[in-house]
């Protein structure tokens, strides 16, 4: 819990947990999308360089 409070820079537990969960879920959705693009399961029209730049987003 202390780490979550430190990373989110929130002072209260509830907003810290909500922010951490929101960021976690966004990252999961982003990663799922990238996995589909990289495996060719979508017709997303991005160049390889564009897709690789998306993968550099911080976890």
N, C-alpha and C. Protein backbone atom coordinates (compact mmCIF):
# COMPACT_ATOMS: atom_id res chain seq x y z
N UNK A 1 0.83 -1.19 0.00
CA UNK A 1 0.00 0.00 0.00
C UNK A 1 0.87 1.25 0.00
N UNK A 2 1.95 1.20 0.75
CA UNK A 2 2.84 2.37 0.80
C UNK A 2 3.41 2.69 -0.58
N UNK A 3 3.75 1.64 -1.31
CA UNK A 3 4.31 1.85 -2.64
C UNK A 3 3.27 2.47 -3.57
N UNK A 4 2.03 2.04 -3.47
CA UNK A 4 0.96 2.61 -4.30
C UNK A 4 0.78 4.09 -3.98
N UNK A 5 0.78 4.42 -2.71
CA UNK A 5 0.65 5.82 -2.31
C UNK A 5 1.83 6.64 -2.84
N UNK A 6 3.01 6.07 -2.78
CA UNK A 6 4.21 6.78 -3.23
C UNK A 6 4.19 6.99 -4.74
N UNK A 7 3.89 5.93 -5.48
CA UNK A 7 3.91 6.00 -6.94
C UNK A 7 2.81 6.92 -7.48
N UNK A 8 1.62 6.84 -6.91
CA UNK A 8 0.51 7.66 -7.40
C UNK A 8 0.55 9.09 -6.87
N UNK A 9 1.33 9.30 -5.82
CA UNK A 9 1.43 10.62 -5.16
C UNK A 9 0.10 11.08 -4.59
N UNK A 10 -0.72 10.11 -4.23
CA UNK A 10 -2.00 10.40 -3.58
C UNK A 10 -1.78 10.34 -2.07
N UNK A 11 -2.59 11.05 -1.32
CA UNK A 11 -2.47 11.05 0.13
C UNK A 11 -3.45 10.08 0.79
N UNK A 12 -4.53 9.78 0.10
CA UNK A 12 -5.56 8.89 0.64
C UNK A 12 -5.50 7.55 -0.10
N UNK A 13 -5.85 6.49 0.62
CA UNK A 13 -5.77 5.15 0.06
C UNK A 13 -6.73 4.93 -1.10
N UNK A 14 -7.97 5.33 -0.94
CA UNK A 14 -8.98 5.06 -1.96
C UNK A 14 -8.63 5.69 -3.31
N UNK A 15 -8.29 6.99 -3.36
CA UNK A 15 -7.91 7.56 -4.66
C UNK A 15 -6.63 6.93 -5.22
N UNK A 16 -5.72 6.55 -4.35
CA UNK A 16 -4.47 5.92 -4.80
C UNK A 16 -4.76 4.58 -5.45
N UNK A 17 -5.59 3.78 -4.83
CA UNK A 17 -5.94 2.47 -5.38
C UNK A 17 -6.72 2.64 -6.68
N UNK A 18 -7.64 3.58 -6.72
CA UNK A 18 -8.43 3.82 -7.93
C UNK A 18 -7.51 4.24 -9.08
N UNK A 19 -6.57 5.11 -8.82
CA UNK A 19 -5.64 5.56 -9.85
C UNK A 19 -4.75 4.42 -10.32
N UNK A 20 -4.23 3.65 -9.38
CA UNK A 20 -3.36 2.52 -9.72
C UNK A 20 -4.12 1.49 -10.56
N UNK A 21 -5.34 1.20 -10.18
CA UNK A 21 -6.15 0.23 -10.93
C UNK A 21 -6.47 0.76 -12.32
N UNK A 22 -6.81 2.02 -12.43
CA UNK A 22 -7.10 2.63 -13.72
C UNK A 22 -5.88 2.53 -14.65
N UNK A 23 -4.70 2.87 -14.13
CA UNK A 23 -3.48 2.81 -14.92
C UNK A 23 -3.15 1.37 -15.32
N UNK A 24 -3.36 0.44 -14.41
CA UNK A 24 -3.12 -0.97 -14.69
C UNK A 24 -4.03 -1.46 -15.82
N UNK A 25 -5.31 -1.12 -15.75
CA UNK A 25 -6.26 -1.57 -16.77
C UNK A 25 -5.97 -0.93 -18.12
N UNK A 26 -5.61 0.33 -18.13
CA UNK A 26 -5.24 0.99 -19.38
C UNK A 26 -4.04 0.30 -20.01
N UNK A 27 -3.07 -0.04 -19.18
CA UNK A 27 -1.87 -0.72 -19.69
C UNK A 27 -2.22 -2.09 -20.25
N UNK A 28 -3.11 -2.82 -19.56
CA UNK A 28 -3.53 -4.14 -20.05
C UNK A 28 -4.22 -4.03 -21.40
N UNK A 29 -5.13 -3.04 -21.55
CA UNK A 29 -5.82 -2.86 -22.83
C UNK A 29 -4.83 -2.47 -23.93
N UNK A 30 -3.90 -1.59 -23.60
CA UNK A 30 -2.89 -1.16 -24.56
C UNK A 30 -2.04 -2.35 -25.01
N UNK A 31 -1.63 -3.17 -24.05
CA UNK A 31 -0.80 -4.33 -24.37
C UNK A 31 -1.57 -5.35 -25.19
N UNK A 32 -2.84 -5.56 -24.89
CA UNK A 32 -3.66 -6.48 -25.66
C UNK A 32 -3.79 -6.01 -27.11
N UNK A 33 -3.98 -4.72 -27.29
CA UNK A 33 -4.07 -4.16 -28.63
C UNK A 33 -2.75 -4.34 -29.38
N UNK A 34 -1.66 -4.03 -28.73
CA UNK A 34 -0.35 -4.19 -29.37
C UNK A 34 -0.08 -5.64 -29.73
N UNK A 35 -0.48 -6.56 -28.88
CA UNK A 35 -0.28 -7.98 -29.18
C UNK A 35 -1.07 -8.38 -30.42
N UNK A 36 -2.28 -7.87 -30.56
CA UNK A 36 -3.08 -8.16 -31.76
C UNK A 36 -2.42 -7.59 -33.00
N UNK A 37 -1.95 -6.35 -32.91
CA UNK A 37 -1.31 -5.71 -34.05
C UNK A 37 -0.05 -6.47 -34.44
N UNK A 38 0.78 -6.79 -33.46
CA UNK A 38 2.04 -7.45 -33.75
C UNK A 38 1.85 -8.88 -34.26
N UNK A 39 0.77 -9.53 -33.89
CA UNK A 39 0.52 -10.89 -34.36
C UNK A 39 -0.28 -10.92 -35.66
N UNK A 40 -0.67 -9.76 -36.16
CA UNK A 40 -1.39 -9.69 -37.42
C UNK A 40 -2.88 -10.00 -37.30
N UNK A 41 -3.44 -9.96 -36.12
CA UNK A 41 -4.85 -10.26 -35.91
C UNK A 41 -5.76 -9.08 -36.17
N UNK A 42 -5.22 -8.00 -36.64
CA UNK A 42 -6.02 -6.82 -36.93
C UNK A 42 -5.53 -6.20 -38.23
N UNK A 43 -6.35 -5.40 -38.84
CA UNK A 43 -5.93 -4.74 -40.08
C UNK A 43 -5.51 -3.30 -39.82
N UNK A 44 -5.02 -3.06 -38.63
CA UNK A 44 -4.55 -1.73 -38.25
C UNK A 44 -3.44 -1.31 -39.19
N UNK A 45 -3.58 -0.18 -39.82
CA UNK A 45 -2.65 0.26 -40.86
C UNK A 45 -1.54 1.14 -40.29
N UNK A 46 -0.71 0.57 -39.47
CA UNK A 46 0.43 1.31 -38.92
C UNK A 46 1.71 0.68 -39.45
N UNK A 47 2.71 1.52 -39.61
CA UNK A 47 4.01 0.98 -40.03
C UNK A 47 4.66 0.29 -38.85
N UNK A 48 5.66 -0.50 -39.12
CA UNK A 48 6.38 -1.20 -38.07
C UNK A 48 6.99 -0.21 -37.08
N UNK A 49 7.55 0.89 -37.58
CA UNK A 49 8.14 1.91 -36.70
C UNK A 49 7.10 2.52 -35.78
N UNK A 50 5.90 2.76 -36.29
CA UNK A 50 4.83 3.32 -35.47
C UNK A 50 4.42 2.33 -34.36
N UNK A 51 4.29 1.07 -34.73
CA UNK A 51 3.91 0.06 -33.74
C UNK A 51 4.98 -0.07 -32.67
N UNK A 52 6.24 -0.06 -33.07
CA UNK A 52 7.32 -0.16 -32.09
C UNK A 52 7.35 1.05 -31.17
N UNK A 53 7.01 2.22 -31.68
CA UNK A 53 6.98 3.41 -30.82
C UNK A 53 5.88 3.31 -29.77
N UNK A 54 4.77 2.65 -30.12
CA UNK A 54 3.69 2.43 -29.15
C UNK A 54 4.16 1.53 -28.02
N UNK A 55 4.99 0.57 -28.33
CA UNK A 55 5.47 -0.40 -27.33
C UNK A 55 6.40 0.24 -26.32
N UNK A 56 6.89 1.43 -26.60
CA UNK A 56 7.81 2.10 -25.68
C UNK A 56 7.10 2.86 -24.57
N UNK A 57 5.79 2.76 -24.51
CA UNK A 57 5.02 3.43 -23.47
C UNK A 57 5.37 2.80 -22.13
N UNK A 58 5.57 3.63 -21.12
CA UNK A 58 5.97 3.12 -19.80
C UNK A 58 4.92 2.20 -19.22
N UNK A 59 5.36 1.16 -18.53
CA UNK A 59 4.41 0.22 -17.91
C UNK A 59 3.63 0.83 -16.77
